[in-house]
Protein backbone atom coordinates (compact mmCIF):
# COMPACT_ATOMS: atom_id res chain seq x y z
CA UNK A 1 28.03 49.48 42.82
CA UNK A 2 25.92 50.16 46.07
CA UNK A 3 26.28 47.18 48.68
CA UNK A 4 22.43 47.53 49.69
CA UNK A 5 19.34 48.07 47.22
CA UNK A 6 16.14 49.74 47.83
CA UNK A 7 12.82 47.60 47.34
CA UNK A 8 12.51 47.40 43.33
CA UNK A 9 16.17 48.17 43.06
CA UNK A 10 17.22 47.95 39.01
CA UNK A 11 21.27 47.46 39.82
CA UNK A 12 23.12 43.60 41.05
CA UNK A 13 26.74 43.31 41.67
CA UNK A 14 28.14 40.75 39.25
CA UNK A 15 31.35 39.17 40.70
CA UNK A 16 34.36 37.44 39.29
CA UNK A 17 33.08 33.88 40.23
CA UNK A 18 30.02 34.06 37.88
CA UNK A 19 27.50 35.50 40.32
CA UNK A 20 25.08 38.36 40.67
CA UNK A 21 23.99 39.20 43.83
CA UNK A 22 20.85 41.88 44.44
CA UNK A 23 20.25 42.54 47.74
CA UNK A 24 16.37 43.66 48.34
CA UNK A 25 13.62 43.00 46.16
CA UNK A 26 14.62 43.17 42.72
CA UNK A 27 12.65 45.30 40.24
CA UNK A 28 10.91 42.67 37.71
CA UNK A 29 12.86 43.55 34.49
CA UNK A 30 15.96 42.86 36.41
CA UNK A 31 14.62 39.54 37.85
CA UNK A 32 13.74 38.65 34.30
CA UNK A 33 17.13 39.40 32.83
CA UNK A 34 18.94 37.20 34.99
CA UNK A 35 16.38 34.82 35.45
CA UNK A 36 16.81 34.09 31.47
CA UNK A 37 20.47 34.09 31.75
CA UNK A 38 21.65 32.36 35.13
CA UNK A 39 20.35 30.25 37.84
CA UNK A 40 18.55 31.26 40.68
CA UNK A 41 20.28 29.89 43.65
CA UNK A 42 18.73 31.94 46.79
CA UNK A 43 16.20 34.26 47.20
CA UNK A 44 15.12 36.73 50.18
CA UNK A 45 17.12 38.93 51.81
CA UNK A 46 19.29 39.07 49.15
CA UNK A 47 18.94 37.04 45.86
CA UNK A 48 21.77 35.25 44.12
CA UNK A 49 21.93 33.95 40.58
CA UNK A 50 24.69 31.77 38.81
CA UNK A 51 26.02 32.17 35.40
CA UNK A 52 27.00 28.40 33.33
CA UNK A 53 27.32 27.83 30.03
CA UNK A 54 23.95 26.52 29.77
CA UNK A 55 22.12 29.11 31.51
CA UNK A 56 23.66 31.61 28.57
CA UNK A 57 22.49 28.34 26.18
CA UNK A 58 19.20 28.70 27.37
CA UNK A 59 18.50 32.78 26.85
CA UNK A 60 19.99 31.60 23.14
CA UNK A 61 17.87 29.30 22.50
CA UNK A 62 15.31 31.51 23.71
CA UNK A 63 16.32 33.67 21.08
CA UNK A 64 18.20 36.30 22.64
CA UNK A 65 21.70 37.03 20.90
CA UNK A 66 25.00 37.53 22.32
CA UNK A 67 24.96 41.50 22.07
CA UNK A 68 21.63 41.65 23.51
CA UNK A 69 22.94 38.87 26.47
CA UNK A 70 26.03 41.40 26.98
CA UNK A 71 24.22 45.00 26.72
CA UNK A 72 21.64 44.21 29.23
CA UNK A 73 23.82 42.54 31.54
CA UNK A 74 26.36 45.64 31.65
CA UNK A 75 23.30 47.88 31.68
CA UNK A 76 22.33 46.06 35.46
CA UNK A 77 25.79 46.16 36.46
CA UNK A 78 26.22 49.87 36.08
CA UNK A 79 29.60 48.91 35.00
CA UNK A 80 31.71 46.52 32.32
CA UNK A 81 31.40 43.16 33.03
CA UNK A 82 34.02 40.74 34.43
CA UNK A 83 36.32 38.95 32.18
CA UNK A 84 35.60 35.80 32.88
CA UNK A 85 31.72 36.03 32.31
CA UNK A 86 32.21 38.10 28.80
CA UNK A 87 34.76 35.05 27.94
CA UNK A 88 31.78 32.29 29.05
CA UNK A 89 29.13 34.82 26.83
CA UNK A 90 31.28 34.57 24.14
CA UNK A 91 32.12 30.66 23.77
CA UNK A 92 28.73 29.19 24.86
CA UNK A 93 27.44 31.90 21.67
CA UNK A 94 30.17 30.56 19.25
CA UNK A 95 29.35 27.10 19.67
CA UNK A 96 25.26 27.63 19.37
CA UNK A 97 24.19 26.64 16.13
CA UNK A 98 26.77 24.79 14.65
CA UNK A 99 24.78 21.94 14.33
CA UNK A 100 21.05 22.26 13.32
CA UNK A 101 18.22 19.84 13.45
CA UNK A 102 15.52 20.20 11.04
CA UNK A 103 12.23 18.39 11.50
CA UNK A 104 11.48 15.98 8.66
CA UNK A 105 9.53 12.40 7.66
CA UNK A 106 12.09 11.52 5.36
CA UNK A 107 15.04 12.62 3.28
CA UNK A 108 15.91 12.04 -1.07
CA UNK A 109 19.59 12.58 -1.57
CA UNK A 110 20.83 11.63 -5.24
CA UNK A 111 24.03 12.46 -7.58
CA UNK A 112 22.61 14.69 -9.84
CA UNK A 113 22.24 18.29 -8.38
CA UNK A 114 20.21 19.14 -11.41
CA UNK A 115 17.48 16.75 -10.85
CA UNK A 116 17.15 17.80 -7.22
CA UNK A 117 17.11 21.51 -7.50
CA UNK A 118 14.06 20.26 -10.70
CA UNK A 119 12.21 18.16 -7.79
CA UNK A 120 12.61 21.15 -5.22
CA UNK A 121 10.66 23.70 -7.69
CA UNK A 122 8.52 21.25 -8.85
CA UNK A 123 5.16 22.99 -8.66
CA UNK A 124 2.94 19.65 -8.28
CA UNK A 125 5.24 18.61 -5.55
CA UNK A 126 5.21 21.81 -3.36
CA UNK A 127 2.62 19.78 -1.32
CA UNK A 128 5.18 17.34 0.03
CA UNK A 129 6.91 20.23 1.95
CA UNK A 130 10.29 19.88 0.29
CA UNK A 131 13.25 21.74 0.88
CA UNK A 132 16.95 21.59 -0.07
CA UNK A 133 19.50 21.39 2.43
CA UNK A 134 22.46 20.45 -0.17
CA UNK A 135 22.95 20.07 -3.85
CA UNK A 136 21.87 16.77 -3.85
CA UNK A 137 20.29 16.56 -0.52
CA UNK A 138 16.31 17.55 -0.10
CA UNK A 139 14.09 16.89 2.93
CA UNK A 140 10.34 16.22 3.26
CA UNK A 141 7.53 16.93 5.92
CA UNK A 142 5.27 13.78 4.08
CA UNK A 143 6.18 10.18 5.08
CA UNK A 144 7.86 8.25 2.56
CA UNK A 145 5.52 6.26 1.03
CA UNK A 146 3.46 9.53 0.24
CA UNK A 147 6.66 10.80 -0.97
CA UNK A 148 7.34 8.00 -3.31
CA UNK A 149 3.73 7.82 -4.69
CA UNK A 150 3.66 11.46 -5.39
CA UNK A 151 7.04 11.57 -7.55
CA UNK A 152 5.69 8.39 -9.29
CA UNK A 153 2.42 9.90 -10.27
CA UNK A 154 4.83 12.85 -11.62
CA UNK A 155 6.83 10.63 -13.97
CA UNK A 156 10.19 10.08 -12.13
CA UNK A 157 11.76 6.69 -10.48
CA UNK A 158 12.91 6.94 -6.91
CA UNK A 159 13.94 3.83 -4.80
CA UNK A 160 13.01 3.94 -1.41
CA UNK A 161 15.84 3.37 1.52
CA UNK A 162 15.50 0.90 4.66
CA UNK A 163 16.84 2.73 7.78
CA UNK A 164 20.36 0.80 7.27
CA UNK A 165 20.45 2.88 3.96
CA UNK A 166 20.43 0.04 2.04
CA UNK A 167 17.86 -0.25 -1.16
CA UNK A 168 14.33 -1.52 -0.08
CA UNK A 169 12.72 -4.63 -1.51
CA UNK A 170 9.31 -3.88 -2.44
CA UNK A 171 6.78 -7.28 -2.29
CA UNK A 172 4.34 -6.45 -5.40
CA UNK A 173 1.04 -8.43 -5.43
CA UNK A 174 0.91 -10.27 -8.77
CA UNK A 175 -1.59 -8.44 -11.25
CA UNK A 176 -4.32 -9.97 -13.38
CA UNK A 177 -4.57 -8.51 -17.15
CA UNK A 178 -7.81 -6.57 -18.02
CA UNK A 179 -10.79 -8.75 -19.62
CA UNK A 180 -10.79 -8.43 -23.32
CA UNK A 181 -14.13 -7.09 -24.14
CA UNK A 182 -16.61 -9.22 -25.42
CA UNK A 183 -17.19 -9.34 -29.46
CA UNK A 184 -19.96 -7.27 -30.94
CA UNK A 185 -23.16 -9.40 -31.23
CA UNK A 186 -22.49 -11.60 -28.51
CA UNK A 187 -24.45 -11.45 -25.41
CA UNK A 188 -23.20 -11.70 -21.74
CA UNK A 189 -24.87 -13.48 -18.99
CA UNK A 190 -27.58 -11.89 -17.10
CA UNK A 191 -27.03 -8.50 -19.17
CA UNK A 192 -28.69 -9.31 -21.70
CA UNK A 193 -26.20 -10.68 -24.06
CA UNK A 194 -24.90 -14.40 -24.23
CA UNK A 195 -21.09 -15.54 -23.62
CA UNK A 196 -19.16 -16.92 -27.09
CA UNK A 197 -19.73 -20.07 -28.36
CA UNK A 198 -16.26 -21.57 -26.98
CA UNK A 199 -16.64 -20.40 -23.61
CA UNK A 200 -20.50 -22.16 -23.44
CA UNK A 201 -18.86 -25.54 -24.60
CA UNK A 202 -15.69 -25.36 -21.71
CA UNK A 203 -18.02 -24.69 -19.00
CA UNK A 204 -20.10 -27.61 -19.68
CA UNK A 205 -17.36 -29.61 -20.18
CA UNK A 206 -16.01 -28.54 -17.29
CA UNK A 207 -19.00 -30.12 -14.96
CA UNK A 208 -20.22 -33.53 -16.78
CA UNK A 209 -22.29 -34.67 -13.77
CA UNK A 210 -24.20 -31.61 -14.22
CA UNK A 211 -24.55 -32.36 -18.52
CA UNK A 212 -24.92 -35.91 -18.03
CA UNK A 213 -28.26 -34.82 -15.55
CA UNK A 214 -29.72 -32.86 -18.05
CA UNK A 215 -29.41 -36.06 -20.60
CA UNK A 216 -31.15 -37.75 -18.27
CA UNK A 217 -33.90 -35.52 -17.95
CA UNK A 218 -34.62 -34.90 -21.84
CA UNK A 219 -38.22 -36.65 -23.07
CA UNK A 220 -37.74 -39.95 -24.53
CA UNK A 221 -38.80 -40.42 -27.95
CA UNK A 222 -41.32 -42.81 -29.58
CA UNK A 223 -40.41 -45.73 -31.71
CA UNK A 224 -41.35 -45.26 -35.60
CA UNK A 225 -41.16 -46.46 -38.83
CA UNK A 226 -37.87 -47.42 -40.30
CA UNK A 227 -36.75 -44.69 -42.70
CA UNK A 228 -35.34 -47.61 -45.05
CA UNK A 229 -37.74 -50.66 -46.05
CA UNK A 230 -37.32 -53.40 -44.17
CA UNK A 231 -40.17 -52.33 -41.65
CA UNK A 232 -39.04 -53.03 -38.39
CA UNK A 233 -39.59 -50.07 -35.24
CA UNK A 234 -36.78 -48.28 -35.58
CA UNK A 235 -35.06 -45.54 -32.16
CA UNK A 236 -34.62 -42.62 -33.37
CA UNK A 237 -30.75 -41.33 -32.78
CA UNK A 238 -31.94 -38.19 -30.75
CA UNK A 239 -33.07 -40.66 -28.03
CA UNK A 240 -29.31 -41.30 -27.64
CA UNK A 241 -29.68 -38.19 -25.46
CA UNK A 242 -31.58 -39.83 -22.84
CA UNK A 243 -29.50 -43.51 -23.31
CA UNK A 244 -26.18 -41.82 -22.63
CA UNK A 245 -27.64 -39.57 -20.12
CA UNK A 246 -28.47 -42.90 -18.44
CA UNK A 247 -25.34 -44.55 -18.90
CA UNK A 248 -23.41 -41.60 -17.05
CA UNK A 249 -25.48 -41.35 -14.25
CA UNK A 250 -25.13 -44.93 -13.34
CA UNK A 251 -22.81 -45.50 -10.35
CA UNK A 252 -21.62 -48.86 -12.33
CA UNK A 253 -20.86 -47.19 -15.54
CA UNK A 254 -19.15 -43.97 -13.64
CA UNK A 255 -17.01 -46.69 -11.60
CA UNK A 256 -16.15 -48.30 -14.70
CA UNK A 257 -15.49 -45.90 -16.99
CA UNK A 258 -11.88 -43.86 -17.16
CA UNK A 259 -11.93 -40.01 -17.30
CA UNK A 260 -11.25 -39.61 -20.89
CA UNK A 261 -14.16 -42.13 -21.69
CA UNK A 262 -16.21 -40.11 -19.59
CA UNK A 263 -15.18 -36.80 -22.14
CA UNK A 264 -15.89 -38.83 -24.78
CA UNK A 265 -19.20 -39.47 -23.83
CA UNK A 266 -20.14 -36.25 -23.25
CA UNK A 267 -18.56 -34.49 -26.06
CA UNK A 268 -20.47 -37.13 -27.97
CA UNK A 269 -23.74 -35.93 -26.78
CA UNK A 270 -23.36 -32.03 -26.69
CA UNK A 271 -21.46 -31.81 -30.15
CA UNK A 272 -23.54 -32.97 -32.41
CA UNK A 273 -27.08 -32.64 -32.90
CA UNK A 274 -29.69 -34.93 -34.01
CA UNK A 275 -29.75 -37.34 -36.53
CA UNK A 276 -26.13 -36.14 -37.79
CA UNK A 277 -24.61 -37.69 -34.78
CA UNK A 278 -22.48 -40.45 -35.62
CA UNK A 279 -22.40 -43.69 -33.81
CA UNK A 280 -21.53 -43.85 -30.04
CA UNK A 281 -17.52 -44.42 -29.09
CA UNK A 282 -16.14 -47.88 -28.92
CA UNK A 283 -14.46 -46.65 -25.96
CA UNK A 284 -18.03 -45.45 -24.23
CA UNK A 285 -19.55 -48.64 -24.87
CA UNK A 286 -17.01 -50.44 -22.93
CA UNK A 287 -18.66 -49.38 -19.66
CA UNK A 288 -20.58 -51.11 -17.61
CA UNK A 289 -23.98 -49.51 -19.22
CA UNK A 290 -22.94 -49.65 -22.34
CA UNK A 291 -24.36 -47.22 -24.69
CA UNK A 292 -27.41 -48.25 -27.29
CA UNK A 293 -27.34 -45.22 -29.32
CA UNK A 294 -27.62 -46.06 -33.22
CA UNK A 295 -29.10 -49.60 -33.05
CA UNK A 296 -32.26 -50.98 -33.33
CA UNK A 297 -34.61 -51.27 -30.03
CA UNK A 298 -35.24 -54.73 -28.69
CA UNK A 299 -38.68 -54.72 -29.95
CA UNK A 300 -37.31 -54.49 -33.39
CA UNK A 301 -37.28 -57.82 -35.14
CA UNK A 302 -33.64 -59.48 -35.82
CA UNK A 303 -32.89 -59.36 -39.44
């Protein structure tokens, strides 16, 4: 090789010390070749490049092959390459790519190769970007939760793993059963349909104060002739709505009556309508206000 190179020279001197020297200005093609496989140390009257495993690996990462690098340097050197450089290129190319890293959002693995192959070929799971790396290993380009949801939607039952490789315990929220449809002929509130009778009674019993207020507001009835022979004035049983309502709303009665007595009074006034209602229970009469339903009024003469 010539010791001096004219401007734009296409040749260089490659020594046994893993260096390449080009005197003068190297051509663009030669400078590009040496910059891709070696590290430039000096520039000026003479440019020097040094070869290393890292610089050769950089060329391999850029897509160049061992044969391509060797042929290009041999053409630039106008002769065979020094043996140390040939060994460096061969050893670096042999180790390059022995371990590969693939982008993935999550990994699918199992003990059944047939099942994994089925998942990889499933058309509806193509959106996950599944790729088979081994008979029992798949990778997905979709996140773990999205992959789980897609597999479960297709009828599979995968289990999620934590970063440590243990099965992840999912904390599910309790779910309520769907409400039963209303029976035909019944009407729901606000929609032109009324609720079932049992539901209405339960809601009324749940709020005795509101029911007592309604009973208190009921119109009072006037005394009429006794239905039986005897003559005296008689209080119609319907007036018991007002009597019991006053008893329930009286502060003394509410304080003296036990919850069970209060429930009996409400059930008594709401369950049986009109004259067919029996006499007021004894437990209700024990309250401070008492219950006078079913008795004669004070205006009736005593027998």
